[in-house]
Amino acid sequence: MIEEVPEFFCVGMSHRTADLDLRERAYLTSDELAASMAALKNKGCLTEILFLVTCNRTELYCVVPQKLAKEEVVTQVFVEA
């Protein structure tokens, strides 16, 4: 049996890659971040997660158990939050 290797990925935006309107829509409060992380953990979509949020940058670093989980992680955090 071949075991799937977890995959590391990063997605983010900054003042260099997105305009202010998009960065404001992607901004998450600490409560929204906590809710997104709890939902993803309960679904088994991630094994590790780190958010980096500053005034000009939002980045999400994750380790996911399978390739298909990446889209679900991004959707859960930035669309459904």
C-alpha atoms as a PDB file:
ATOM      1  CA  MET A   1       0.000   0.000   0.000  1.00  0.00           C
ATOM      2  CA  ILE A   2       1.366   3.397  -1.013  1.00  0.00           C
ATOM      3  CA  GLU A   3       0.915   6.106   1.573  1.00  0.00           C
ATOM      4  CA  GLU A   4       0.076   9.617   0.354  1.00  0.00           C
ATOM      5  CA  VAL A   5       2.654  12.192   1.289  1.00  0.00           C
ATOM      6  CA  PRO A   6       1.247  15.393   2.814  1.00  0.00           C
ATOM      7  CA  GLU A   7       1.670  18.451   0.640  1.00  0.00           C
ATOM      8  CA  PHE A   8       2.813  21.909   1.766  1.00  0.00           C
ATOM      9  CA  PHE A   9       1.371  24.945   0.046  1.00  0.00           C
ATOM     10  CA  CYS A  10       1.072  28.691   0.447  1.00  0.00           C
ATOM     11  CA  VAL A  11      -1.477  31.110  -0.921  1.00  0.00           C
ATOM     12  CA  GLY A  12      -1.553  34.807  -0.286  1.00  0.00           C
ATOM     13  CA  MET A  13      -1.775  38.339  -1.486  1.00  0.00           C
ATOM     14  CA  SER A  14      -0.024  41.595  -0.790  1.00  0.00           C
ATOM     15  CA  HIS A  15      -0.121  45.229  -1.842  1.00  0.00           C
ATOM     16  CA  ARG A  16       2.031  44.179  -4.809  1.00  0.00           C
ATOM     17  CA  THR A  17      -0.309  41.436  -6.063  1.00  0.00           C
ATOM     18  CA  ALA A  18      -3.822  42.661  -5.184  1.00  0.00           C
ATOM     19  CA  ASP A  19      -5.603  45.975  -4.975  1.00  0.00           C
ATOM     20  CA  LEU A  20      -6.909  47.351  -1.696  1.00  0.00           C
ATOM     21  CA  ASP A  21     -10.502  46.233  -2.324  1.00  0.00           C
ATOM     22  CA  LEU A  22      -9.479  42.585  -2.741  1.00  0.00           C
ATOM     23  CA  ARG A  23      -7.163  42.689   0.279  1.00  0.00           C
ATOM     24  CA  GLU A  24      -9.969  44.141   2.412  1.00  0.00           C
ATOM     25  CA  ARG A  25     -12.375  41.382   1.288  1.00  0.00           C
ATOM     26  CA  ALA A  26      -9.759  38.736   2.165  1.00  0.00           C
ATOM     27  CA  TYR A  27      -9.124  40.167   5.628  1.00  0.00           C
ATOM     28  CA  LEU A  28     -10.335  37.867   8.395  1.00  0.00           C
ATOM     29  CA  THR A  29     -10.916  38.683  12.040  1.00  0.00           C
ATOM     30  CA  SER A  30      -9.393  36.432  14.683  1.00  0.00           C
ATOM     31  CA  ASP A  31     -12.841  34.882  15.286  1.00  0.00           C
ATOM     32  CA  GLU A  32     -13.261  34.144  11.568  1.00  0.00           C
ATOM     33  CA  LEU A  33      -9.780  32.612  11.407  1.00  0.00           C
ATOM     34  CA  ALA A  34     -10.500  30.412  14.423  1.00  0.00           C
ATOM     35  CA  ALA A  35     -13.818  29.263  12.941  1.00  0.00           C
ATOM     36  CA  SER A  36     -12.205  28.453   9.583  1.00  0.00           C
ATOM     37  CA  MET A  37      -9.382  26.497  11.206  1.00  0.00           C
ATOM     38  CA  ALA A  38     -11.804  24.525  13.394  1.00  0.00           C
ATOM     39  CA  ALA A  39     -13.999  23.654  10.408  1.00  0.00           C
ATOM     40  CA  LEU A  40     -11.004  22.530   8.345  1.00  0.00           C
ATOM     41  CA  LYS A  41      -9.620  20.475  11.199  1.00  0.00           C
ATOM     42  CA  ASN A  42     -12.986  18.770  11.710  1.00  0.00           C
ATOM     43  CA  LYS A  43     -13.185  17.914   8.000  1.00  0.00           C
ATOM     44  CA  GLY A  44      -9.669  16.439   8.066  1.00  0.00           C
ATOM     45  CA  CYS A  45      -8.537  18.844   5.345  1.00  0.00           C
ATOM     46  CA  LEU A  46      -5.321  19.905   6.995  1.00  0.00           C
ATOM     47  CA  THR A  47      -2.645  18.725   9.336  1.00  0.00           C
ATOM     48  CA  GLU A  48      -0.937  22.070   9.934  1.00  0.00           C
ATOM     49  CA  ILE A  49      -1.894  25.685   9.263  1.00  0.00           C
ATOM     50  CA  LEU A  50      -0.341  29.117   9.745  1.00  0.00           C
ATOM     51  CA  PHE A  51      -1.856  32.500   8.927  1.00  0.00           C
ATOM     52  CA  LEU A  52       0.295  35.571   8.446  1.00  0.00           C
ATOM     53  CA  VAL A  53      -1.789  38.744   8.415  1.00  0.00           C
ATOM     54  CA  THR A  54      -0.370  42.251   8.328  1.00  0.00           C
ATOM     55  CA  CYS A  55      -1.756  45.568   7.124  1.00  0.00           C
ATOM     56  CA  ASN A  56      -0.556  44.877   3.567  1.00  0.00           C
ATOM     57  CA  ARG A  57      -0.412  41.097   3.367  1.00  0.00           C
ATOM     58  CA  THR A  58      -2.485  37.979   4.012  1.00  0.00           C
ATOM     59  CA  GLU A  59      -0.823  34.603   3.635  1.00  0.00           C
ATOM     60  CA  LEU A  60      -1.934  31.085   4.431  1.00  0.00           C
ATOM     61  CA  TYR A  61       0.597  28.272   4.846  1.00  0.00           C
ATOM     62  CA  CYS A  62      -0.791  24.733   5.104  1.00  0.00           C
ATOM     63  CA  VAL A  63       0.116  21.101   5.133  1.00  0.00           C
ATOM     64  CA  VAL A  64      -2.709  19.084   3.629  1.00  0.00           C
ATOM     65  CA  PRO A  65      -3.038  15.308   3.542  1.00  0.00           C
ATOM     66  CA  GLN A  66      -3.997  15.198  -0.138  1.00  0.00           C
ATOM     67  CA  LYS A  67      -3.765  17.387  -3.233  1.00  0.00           C
ATOM     68  CA  LEU A  68      -7.514  17.851  -3.576  1.00  0.00           C
ATOM     69  CA  ALA A  69      -7.768  19.397  -0.122  1.00  0.00           C
ATOM     70  CA  LYS A  70      -5.948  22.574  -1.234  1.00  0.00           C
ATOM     71  CA  GLU A  71      -8.987  23.977  -3.036  1.00  0.00           C
ATOM     72  CA  GLU A  72     -11.220  23.160  -0.084  1.00  0.00           C
ATOM     73  CA  VAL A  73      -8.854  24.907   2.331  1.00  0.00           C
ATOM     74  CA  VAL A  74      -8.721  28.089   0.243  1.00  0.00           C
ATOM     75  CA  THR A  75     -12.497  28.073  -0.278  1.00  0.00           C
ATOM     76  CA  GLN A  76     -13.224  27.482   3.409  1.00  0.00           C
ATOM     77  CA  VAL A  77     -10.900  30.245   4.565  1.00  0.00           C
ATOM     78  CA  PHE A  78     -11.400  32.994   2.003  1.00  0.00           C
ATOM     79  CA  VAL A  79     -14.871  32.374   0.569  1.00  0.00           C
ATOM     80  CA  GLU A  80     -16.984  30.782   3.285  1.00  0.00           C
ATOM     81  CA  ALA A  81     -15.507  32.652   6.273  1.00  0.00           C
END
